C-alpha atoms as a PDB file:
ATOM      1  CA  MET A   1     -13.086   0.224  23.935  1.00  0.00           C
ATOM      2  CA  GLN A   2     -10.756  -1.785  21.852  1.00  0.00           C
ATOM      3  CA  LEU A   3      -8.777   0.318  19.410  1.00  0.00           C
ATOM      4  CA  TYR A   4      -8.531  -0.889  15.659  1.00  0.00           C
ATOM      5  CA  LYS A   5      -6.126  -0.296  12.858  1.00  0.00           C
ATOM      6  CA  VAL A   6      -7.009  -0.994   9.248  1.00  0.00           C
ATOM      7  CA  LEU A   7      -4.556  -2.601   6.734  1.00  0.00           C
ATOM      8  CA  SER A   8      -5.809  -1.474   3.138  1.00  0.00           C
ATOM      9  CA  ILE A   9      -4.221  -3.198   0.407  1.00  0.00           C
ATOM     10  CA  ASP A  10      -3.765  -2.383  -3.362  1.00  0.00           C
ATOM     11  CA  GLU A  11      -0.982  -2.967  -5.791  1.00  0.00           C
ATOM     12  CA  THR A  12       0.987  -1.781  -8.928  1.00  0.00           C
ATOM     13  CA  GLY A  13       1.891  -4.226 -11.650  1.00  0.00           C
ATOM     14  CA  LYS A  14       0.564  -7.649 -11.925  1.00  0.00           C
ATOM     15  CA  ALA A  15       2.075 -10.884 -10.619  1.00  0.00           C
ATOM     16  CA  SER A  16       1.318 -12.608 -13.977  1.00  0.00           C
ATOM     17  CA  PHE A  17       4.505 -13.057 -16.141  1.00  0.00           C
ATOM     18  CA  LYS A  18       2.392 -12.189 -19.227  1.00  0.00           C
ATOM     19  CA  HIS A  19       1.787  -8.659 -17.836  1.00  0.00           C
ATOM     20  CA  PRO A  20       4.483  -6.175 -18.980  1.00  0.00           C
ATOM     21  CA  SER A  21       5.197  -4.912 -15.478  1.00  0.00           C
ATOM     22  CA  LYS A  22       8.627  -5.579 -14.212  1.00  0.00           C
ATOM     23  CA  LEU A  23       7.754  -5.463 -10.571  1.00  0.00           C
ATOM     24  CA  PHE A  24       4.825  -6.686  -8.445  1.00  0.00           C
ATOM     25  CA  VAL A  25       4.404  -4.177  -5.550  1.00  0.00           C
ATOM     26  CA  LEU A  26       1.891  -5.150  -2.920  1.00  0.00           C
ATOM     27  CA  SER A  27       1.106  -2.063  -1.128  1.00  0.00           C
ATOM     28  CA  GLY A  28      -0.675  -1.437   2.272  1.00  0.00           C
ATOM     29  CA  THR A  29      -1.863   1.514   4.219  1.00  0.00           C
ATOM     30  CA  VAL A  30      -1.977   1.118   7.904  1.00  0.00           C
ATOM     31  CA  ILE A  31      -4.248   3.656   9.568  1.00  0.00           C
ATOM     32  CA  PRO A  32      -6.152   3.876  12.953  1.00  0.00           C
ATOM     33  CA  GLU A  33      -9.735   3.360  12.321  1.00  0.00           C
ATOM     34  CA  LYS A  34     -10.723   6.456  14.173  1.00  0.00           C
ATOM     35  CA  LEU A  35      -8.461   8.498  11.770  1.00  0.00           C
ATOM     36  CA  LYS A  36      -9.965   7.332   8.592  1.00  0.00           C
ATOM     37  CA  SER A  37     -12.944   9.670   8.457  1.00  0.00           C
ATOM     38  CA  LYS A  38     -10.717  12.654   9.036  1.00  0.00           C
ATOM     39  CA  ILE A  39      -8.245  11.762   6.342  1.00  0.00           C
ATOM     40  CA  ASP A  40     -11.130  11.046   3.998  1.00  0.00           C
ATOM     41  CA  ALA A  41     -12.675  14.521   4.545  1.00  0.00           C
ATOM     42  CA  LYS A  42      -9.339  16.188   3.948  1.00  0.00           C
ATOM     43  CA  MET A  43      -8.823  14.294   0.837  1.00  0.00           C
ATOM     44  CA  ARG A  44     -12.327  14.951  -0.530  1.00  0.00           C
ATOM     45  CA  ALA A  45     -11.699  18.676   0.071  1.00  0.00           C
ATOM     46  CA  LEU A  46      -8.389  18.284  -1.880  1.00  0.00           C
ATOM     47  CA  LYS A  47     -10.065  16.467  -4.808  1.00  0.00           C
ATOM     48  CA  GLN A  48     -12.784  19.072  -4.868  1.00  0.00           C
ATOM     49  CA  LYS A  49     -10.299  21.895  -4.908  1.00  0.00           C
ATOM     50  CA  PHE A  50      -8.142  20.470  -7.813  1.00  0.00           C
ATOM     51  CA  PHE A  51     -10.439  18.167  -9.833  1.00  0.00           C
ATOM     52  CA  GLU A  52     -13.866  19.699  -8.872  1.00  0.00           C
ATOM     53  CA  ASP A  53     -15.054  16.117  -7.891  1.00  0.00           C
ATOM     54  CA  GLU A  54     -14.780  14.936  -4.298  1.00  0.00           C
ATOM     55  CA  ASP A  55     -15.685  11.401  -5.426  1.00  0.00           C
ATOM     56  CA  ILE A  56     -12.777  11.113  -8.059  1.00  0.00           C
ATOM     57  CA  VAL A  57     -10.714   7.965  -7.268  1.00  0.00           C
ATOM     58  CA  PHE A  58      -6.989   8.440  -6.844  1.00  0.00           C
ATOM     59  CA  HIS A  59      -5.265   6.012  -9.379  1.00  0.00           C
ATOM     60  CA  ALA A  60      -1.606   6.166  -9.357  1.00  0.00           C
ATOM     61  CA  ARG A  61      -1.014   5.411 -12.976  1.00  0.00           C
ATOM     62  CA  ASP A  62      -3.402   7.896 -14.340  1.00  0.00           C
ATOM     63  CA  MET A  63      -1.949  10.503 -11.960  1.00  0.00           C
ATOM     64  CA  ALA A  64       1.493   9.696 -13.007  1.00  0.00           C
ATOM     65  CA  ARG A  65       0.608   9.995 -16.742  1.00  0.00           C
ATOM     66  CA  LYS A  66      -1.503  13.059 -16.046  1.00  0.00           C
ATOM     67  CA  LYS A  67      -4.248  11.614 -18.136  1.00  0.00           C
ATOM     68  CA  GLY A  68      -8.047  11.980 -18.052  1.00  0.00           C
ATOM     69  CA  PRO A  69      -9.377  13.951 -14.976  1.00  0.00           C
ATOM     70  CA  PHE A  70      -5.643  14.203 -13.843  1.00  0.00           C
ATOM     71  CA  LYS A  71      -4.508  16.170 -16.786  1.00  0.00           C
ATOM     72  CA  ILE A  72      -4.579  19.461 -14.725  1.00  0.00           C
ATOM     73  CA  LEU A  73      -1.330  18.134 -13.124  1.00  0.00           C
ATOM     74  CA  LEU A  74       0.391  18.838 -16.474  1.00  0.00           C
ATOM     75  CA  ASN A  75       0.829  22.358 -15.101  1.00  0.00           C
ATOM     76  CA  SER A  76       4.057  21.987 -13.015  1.00  0.00           C
ATOM     77  CA  LYS A  77       2.888  24.769 -10.427  1.00  0.00           C
ATOM     78  CA  THR A  78      -0.501  22.988  -9.979  1.00  0.00           C
ATOM     79  CA  GLU A  79       1.158  19.657  -9.733  1.00  0.00           C
ATOM     80  CA  LEU A  80       3.547  20.992  -7.011  1.00  0.00           C
ATOM     81  CA  ASP A  81       0.787  22.598  -5.137  1.00  0.00           C
ATOM     82  CA  PHE A  82      -1.351  19.393  -5.223  1.00  0.00           C
ATOM     83  CA  TYR A  83       1.482  17.053  -4.084  1.00  0.00           C
ATOM     84  CA  SER A  84       2.522  19.459  -1.357  1.00  0.00           C
ATOM     85  CA  ARG A  85      -0.922  19.315   0.118  1.00  0.00           C
ATOM     86  CA  PHE A  86      -1.392  15.618  -0.458  1.00  0.00           C
ATOM     87  CA  ILE A  87       1.808  14.777   1.296  1.00  0.00           C
ATOM     88  CA  SER A  88       1.111  17.030   4.087  1.00  0.00           C
ATOM     89  CA  PHE A  89      -2.035  14.888   4.854  1.00  0.00           C
ATOM     90  CA  VAL A  90      -0.341  11.665   4.307  1.00  0.00           C
ATOM     91  CA  ASN A  91       2.704  12.687   6.440  1.00  0.00           C
ATOM     92  CA  ASN A  92       0.491  12.246   9.578  1.00  0.00           C
ATOM     93  CA  PRO A  93       2.631  10.163  12.041  1.00  0.00           C
ATOM     94  CA  GLU A  94      -0.177   7.854  12.718  1.00  0.00           C
ATOM     95  CA  ILE A  95      -0.236   6.455   9.093  1.00  0.00           C
ATOM     96  CA  SER A  96       2.313   3.909   8.030  1.00  0.00           C
ATOM     97  CA  PHE A  97       2.874   1.982   4.821  1.00  0.00           C
ATOM     98  CA  PHE A  98       3.793  -1.581   4.013  1.00  0.00           C
ATOM     99  CA  PHE A  99       5.295  -2.536   0.740  1.00  0.00           C
ATOM    100  CA  VAL A 100       6.304  -6.001  -0.422  1.00  0.00           C
ATOM    101  CA  ILE A 101       8.184  -6.057  -3.754  1.00  0.00           C
ATOM    102  CA  THR A 102       8.860  -8.867  -6.247  1.00  0.00           C
ATOM    103  CA  ASN A 103      11.227  -8.502  -9.242  1.00  0.00           C
ATOM    104  CA  LYS A 104       9.407 -10.739 -11.714  1.00  0.00           C
ATOM    105  CA  ALA A 105      12.459 -11.555 -13.773  1.00  0.00           C
ATOM    106  CA  LYS A 106      14.282 -12.870 -10.721  1.00  0.00           C
ATOM    107  CA  ALA A 107      11.040 -14.722  -9.681  1.00  0.00           C
ATOM    108  CA  SER A 108      10.910 -16.411 -13.087  1.00  0.00           C
ATOM    109  CA  LYS A 109      14.495 -17.482 -12.883  1.00  0.00           C
ATOM    110  CA  ALA A 110      13.757 -18.990  -9.452  1.00  0.00           C
ATOM    111  CA  ASN A 111      10.877 -21.035 -10.987  1.00  0.00           C
ATOM    112  CA  TRP A 112       8.281 -19.027  -8.928  1.00  0.00           C
ATOM    113  CA  GLN A 113       4.685 -19.238 -10.331  1.00  0.00           C
ATOM    114  CA  GLU A 114       2.211 -16.384 -10.354  1.00  0.00           C
ATOM    115  CA  GLY A 115       0.537 -18.067  -7.344  1.00  0.00           C
ATOM    116  CA  THR A 116       3.935 -18.164  -5.454  1.00  0.00           C
ATOM    117  CA  ILE A 117       4.397 -14.443  -5.871  1.00  0.00           C
ATOM    118  CA  LEU A 118       0.815 -13.733  -4.624  1.00  0.00           C
ATOM    119  CA  LYS A 119       0.790 -16.109  -1.696  1.00  0.00           C
ATOM    120  CA  ARG A 120       4.226 -15.066  -0.369  1.00  0.00           C
ATOM    121  CA  SER A 121       3.487 -11.446  -0.781  1.00  0.00           C
ATOM    122  CA  TYR A 122       0.256 -11.604   1.067  1.00  0.00           C
ATOM    123  CA  LEU A 123       1.702 -13.780   3.743  1.00  0.00           C
ATOM    124  CA  LYS A 124       4.557 -11.283   4.369  1.00  0.00           C
ATOM    125  CA  ILE A 125       2.224  -8.170   4.497  1.00  0.00           C
ATOM    126  CA  LEU A 126      -0.364  -9.932   6.715  1.00  0.00           C
ATOM    127  CA  ALA A 127       2.146 -11.266   9.012  1.00  0.00           C
ATOM    128  CA  ASP A 128       3.972  -8.036   9.535  1.00  0.00           C
ATOM    129  CA  PHE A 129       0.653  -6.316   9.955  1.00  0.00           C
ATOM    130  CA  THR A 130      -0.150  -8.759  12.785  1.00  0.00           C
ATOM    131  CA  ARG A 131       3.208  -8.168  14.437  1.00  0.00           C
ATOM    132  CA  HIS A 132       2.450  -4.404  14.358  1.00  0.00           C
ATOM    133  CA  LEU A 133      -0.959  -5.064  15.972  1.00  0.00           C
ATOM    134  CA  LYS A 134       0.642  -6.971  18.778  1.00  0.00           C
ATOM    135  CA  ALA A 135       3.395  -4.467  19.371  1.00  0.00           C
ATOM    136  CA  THR A 136       0.723  -1.717  19.452  1.00  0.00           C
ATOM    137  CA  LYS A 137      -1.752  -3.673  21.455  1.00  0.00           C
ATOM    138  CA  THR A 138      -4.530  -2.945  18.929  1.00  0.00           C
ATOM    139  CA  ASN A 139      -6.813  -5.175  16.859  1.00  0.00           C
ATOM    140  CA  GLY A 140      -6.996  -4.988  13.077  1.00  0.00           C
ATOM    141  CA  LYS A 141      -9.174  -5.127  10.012  1.00  0.00           C
ATOM    142  CA  ILE A 142      -8.070  -5.900   6.467  1.00  0.00           C
ATOM    143  CA  ILE A 143      -9.504  -4.303   3.392  1.00  0.00           C
ATOM    144  CA  THR A 144      -8.385  -4.981  -0.176  1.00  0.00           C
ATOM    145  CA  GLU A 145      -9.443  -4.087  -3.611  1.00  0.00           C
ATOM    146  CA  SER A 146     -10.856  -7.267  -5.050  1.00  0.00           C
ATOM    147  CA  ASP A 147      -9.395  -9.073  -7.759  1.00  0.00           C
ATOM    148  CA  PRO A 148     -10.907 -12.634  -8.653  1.00  0.00           C
ATOM    149  CA  LYS A 149      -7.426 -13.899  -9.570  1.00  0.00           C
ATOM    150  CA  GLN A 150      -5.877 -12.632  -6.453  1.00  0.00           C
ATOM    151  CA  ASP A 151      -8.573 -12.959  -3.794  1.00  0.00           C
ATOM    152  CA  ILE A 152      -7.893 -16.699  -3.451  1.00  0.00           C
ATOM    153  CA  CYS A 153      -4.222 -16.100  -2.586  1.00  0.00           C
ATOM    154  CA  LEU A 154      -5.159 -13.577  -0.007  1.00  0.00           C
ATOM    155  CA  ILE A 155      -7.661 -15.798   1.687  1.00  0.00           C
ATOM    156  CA  TYR A 156      -5.125 -18.698   1.504  1.00  0.00           C
ATOM    157  CA  ALA A 157      -2.627 -16.400   3.456  1.00  0.00           C
ATOM    158  CA  HIS A 158      -5.269 -15.357   6.050  1.00  0.00           C
ATOM    159  CA  ASN A 159      -6.412 -18.840   6.698  1.00  0.00           C
ATOM    160  CA  ARG A 160      -2.924 -20.019   6.988  1.00  0.00           C
ATOM    161  CA  LEU A 161      -2.058 -17.301   9.593  1.00  0.00           C
ATOM    162  CA  GLN A 162      -5.344 -18.198  11.347  1.00  0.00           C
ATOM    163  CA  SER A 163      -4.177 -21.633  11.711  1.00  0.00           C
ATOM    164  CA  GLU A 164      -0.404 -21.565  11.904  1.00  0.00           C
ATOM    165  CA  GLY A 165       0.379 -17.902  12.883  1.00  0.00           C
ATOM    166  CA  THR A 166       3.425 -16.312  11.437  1.00  0.00           C
ATOM    167  CA  GLY A 167       5.685 -19.372  11.797  1.00  0.00           C
ATOM    168  CA  ASP A 168       8.574 -17.643  13.653  1.00  0.00           C
ATOM    169  CA  GLY A 169       6.908 -17.700  17.026  1.00  0.00           C
ATOM    170  CA  SER A 170       6.116 -13.989  17.224  1.00  0.00           C
ATOM    171  CA  VAL A 171       2.363 -14.403  16.768  1.00  0.00           C
ATOM    172  CA  ASN A 172       0.469 -17.744  16.871  1.00  0.00           C
ATOM    173  CA  GLY A 173      -2.576 -18.799  15.252  1.00  0.00           C
ATOM    174  CA  SER A 174      -4.886 -18.041  18.238  1.00  0.00           C
ATOM    175  CA  GLU A 175      -3.316 -14.440  18.675  1.00  0.00           C
ATOM    176  CA  TYR A 176      -3.928 -13.851  14.859  1.00  0.00           C
ATOM    177  CA  ARG A 177      -7.569 -14.881  15.183  1.00  0.00           C
ATOM    178  CA  HIS A 178      -8.067 -12.706  18.106  1.00  0.00           C
ATOM    179  CA  MET A 179      -6.368  -9.542  16.682  1.00  0.00           C
ATOM    180  CA  VAL A 180      -7.470  -9.797  13.041  1.00  0.00           C
ATOM    181  CA  THR A 181     -11.310  -9.680  13.178  1.00  0.00           C
ATOM    182  CA  SER A 182     -12.327  -9.078   9.675  1.00  0.00           C
ATOM    183  CA  LEU A 183     -11.180  -9.317   6.011  1.00  0.00           C
ATOM    184  CA  SER A 184     -13.202  -7.281   3.383  1.00  0.00           C
ATOM    185  CA  LEU A 185     -13.100  -7.417  -0.259  1.00  0.00           C
ATOM    186  CA  VAL A 186     -14.114  -4.096  -1.911  1.00  0.00           C
ATOM    187  CA  ASN A 187     -14.064  -2.329  -5.277  1.00  0.00           C
ATOM    188  CA  LYS A 188     -13.189   1.272  -6.351  1.00  0.00           C
ATOM    189  CA  SER A 189     -16.906   2.231  -5.914  1.00  0.00           C
ATOM    190  CA  ASN A 190     -16.501   1.835  -2.164  1.00  0.00           C
ATOM    191  CA  TYR A 191     -14.434   4.932  -2.341  1.00  0.00           C
ATOM    192  CA  ASP A 192     -11.970   3.698   0.586  1.00  0.00           C
ATOM    193  CA  ILE A 193      -9.447   6.511   0.846  1.00  0.00           C
ATOM    194  CA  ASP A 194      -6.960   4.167   2.453  1.00  0.00           C
ATOM    195  CA  VAL A 195      -7.080   1.885  -0.552  1.00  0.00           C
ATOM    196  CA  GLN A 196      -6.598   4.762  -2.836  1.00  0.00           C
ATOM    197  CA  LEU A 197      -3.589   5.871  -0.721  1.00  0.00           C
ATOM    198  CA  ALA A 198      -2.189   2.383  -1.031  1.00  0.00           C
ATOM    199  CA  ASP A 199      -2.566   2.504  -4.740  1.00  0.00           C
ATOM    200  CA  THR A 200      -0.791   5.921  -4.864  1.00  0.00           C
ATOM    201  CA  MET A 201       2.121   5.080  -2.718  1.00  0.00           C
ATOM    202  CA  ALA A 202       2.728   1.742  -4.604  1.00  0.00           C
ATOM    203  CA  LEU A 203       4.536   3.563  -7.484  1.00  0.00           C
ATOM    204  CA  ILE A 204       6.494   5.608  -5.052  1.00  0.00           C
ATOM    205  CA  ALA A 205       7.793   2.330  -3.551  1.00  0.00           C
ATOM    206  CA  GLY A 206       8.524   1.119  -7.099  1.00  0.00           C
ATOM    207  CA  LEU A 207      10.631   4.090  -7.657  1.00  0.00           C
ATOM    208  CA  LYS A 208      12.622   3.628  -4.456  1.00  0.00           C
ATOM    209  CA  TYR A 209      13.317   0.082  -5.687  1.00  0.00           C
ATOM    210  CA  GLU A 210      14.673   1.249  -8.801  1.00  0.00           C
ATOM    211  CA  ILE A 211      16.879   3.733  -7.266  1.00  0.00           C
ATOM    212  CA  ASP A 212      18.093   2.008  -4.113  1.00  0.00           C
ATOM    213  CA  ILE A 213      18.063  -1.667  -5.398  1.00  0.00           C
ATOM    214  CA  GLN A 214      18.643  -1.483  -9.092  1.00  0.00           C
ATOM    215  CA  GLY A 215      20.913   1.528  -8.994  1.00  0.00           C
ATOM    216  CA  ASN A 216      18.910   3.655 -11.423  1.00  0.00           C
ATOM    217  CA  LYS A 217      20.425   7.045 -11.309  1.00  0.00           C
ATOM    218  CA  LYS A 218      17.632   8.900 -13.021  1.00  0.00           C
ATOM    219  CA  LYS A 219      17.206  12.508 -12.240  1.00  0.00           C
ATOM    220  CA  LEU A 220      14.152  12.920 -10.182  1.00  0.00           C
ATOM    221  CA  SER A 221      11.711  15.794 -10.571  1.00  0.00           C
ATOM    222  CA  ARG A 222      10.821  18.121  -7.673  1.00  0.00           C
ATOM    223  CA  VAL A 223       7.661  16.199  -7.071  1.00  0.00           C
ATOM    224  CA  GLU A 224       9.479  12.763  -7.365  1.00  0.00           C
ATOM    225  CA  ASN A 225      11.937  14.146  -4.683  1.00  0.00           C
ATOM    226  CA  MET A 226       9.015  15.046  -2.445  1.00  0.00           C
ATOM    227  CA  LYS A 227       7.431  11.624  -2.663  1.00  0.00           C
ATOM    228  CA  GLN A 228      10.826   9.910  -2.003  1.00  0.00           C
ATOM    229  CA  ARG A 229      11.489  11.968   1.015  1.00  0.00           C
ATOM    230  CA  LEU A 230       7.912  11.131   2.421  1.00  0.00           C
ATOM    231  CA  LEU A 231       8.728   7.475   1.990  1.00  0.00           C
ATOM    232  CA  GLU A 232      12.120   7.777   3.808  1.00  0.00           C
ATOM    233  CA  ARG A 233      10.409   9.683   6.690  1.00  0.00           C
ATOM    234  CA  LYS A 234       7.844   6.823   6.888  1.00  0.00           C
ATOM    235  CA  LEU A 235      10.540   4.098   6.882  1.00  0.00           C
ATOM    236  CA  SER A 236      12.807   5.751   9.370  1.00  0.00           C
ATOM    237  CA  ASP A 237       9.947   6.429  11.896  1.00  0.00           C
ATOM    238  CA  THR A 238      10.852   4.146  14.796  1.00  0.00           C
ATOM    239  CA  LYS A 239       7.560   4.935  16.665  1.00  0.00           C
ATOM    240  CA  ASN A 240       5.261   3.881  13.921  1.00  0.00           C
ATOM    241  CA  PRO A 241       7.457   1.934  11.402  1.00  0.00           C
ATOM    242  CA  SER A 242       6.621   1.257   7.701  1.00  0.00           C
ATOM    243  CA  LEU A 243       7.863  -1.871   5.923  1.00  0.00           C
ATOM    244  CA  PHE A 244       9.775  -2.143   2.653  1.00  0.00           C
ATOM    245  CA  GLU A 245      10.530  -5.675   1.918  1.00  0.00           C
ATOM    246  CA  VAL A 246      12.028  -7.244  -1.292  1.00  0.00           C
ATOM    247  CA  LEU A 247      10.931 -10.780  -1.588  1.00  0.00           C
ATOM    248  CA  ILE A 248      13.363 -11.467  -4.553  1.00  0.00           C
END
């Protein structure tokens, strides 16, 4: 039986230059399909314990702001307990994360358009996912939280890779078509935990960019330190490597 891995994509910020976000971070969770139900069950139990609702959707911005159903995280002990448990599940060595980051101010100076950011981001994350599949001898499925303005750029990237491959000789179009067997556009009501993890991890990648690339020396909270250590572990894992790529 062929083994499958799933790339689930979300983002933080918007590629639009009219949006106030400084970064556009395309974030992907790569998880074995067979593991997805186990992680979902653990996260549902975690949601029930802390938020009394196993169907609550993890949304990074609301969690960071501790608003609405996440206001319980205003209690520092509760926040530490929650993220300790959350990170222990995500730290599973079979789960990896792919991040593609664009500094929108630099993109604007380089005369990139919104579509340029989106197409290059999707091409990068899909190409590296395909290389990952080839290296691990697995097939893949792609899931993304649908956005009408972005879906066309994702489909462009998918079709280009089906036709031309990665362009560097590592994966040709035929190999891509054989390995990547489906592309699904979903919304939050689909409750895909791997999409929620991609959303949650996107802010952590953005923080790493601010610290490592922009040299922001801000003092991190204990929880922020935990998140950054998680990301560093993922990126340093040579057996199941994650991706942290800055486009511009």
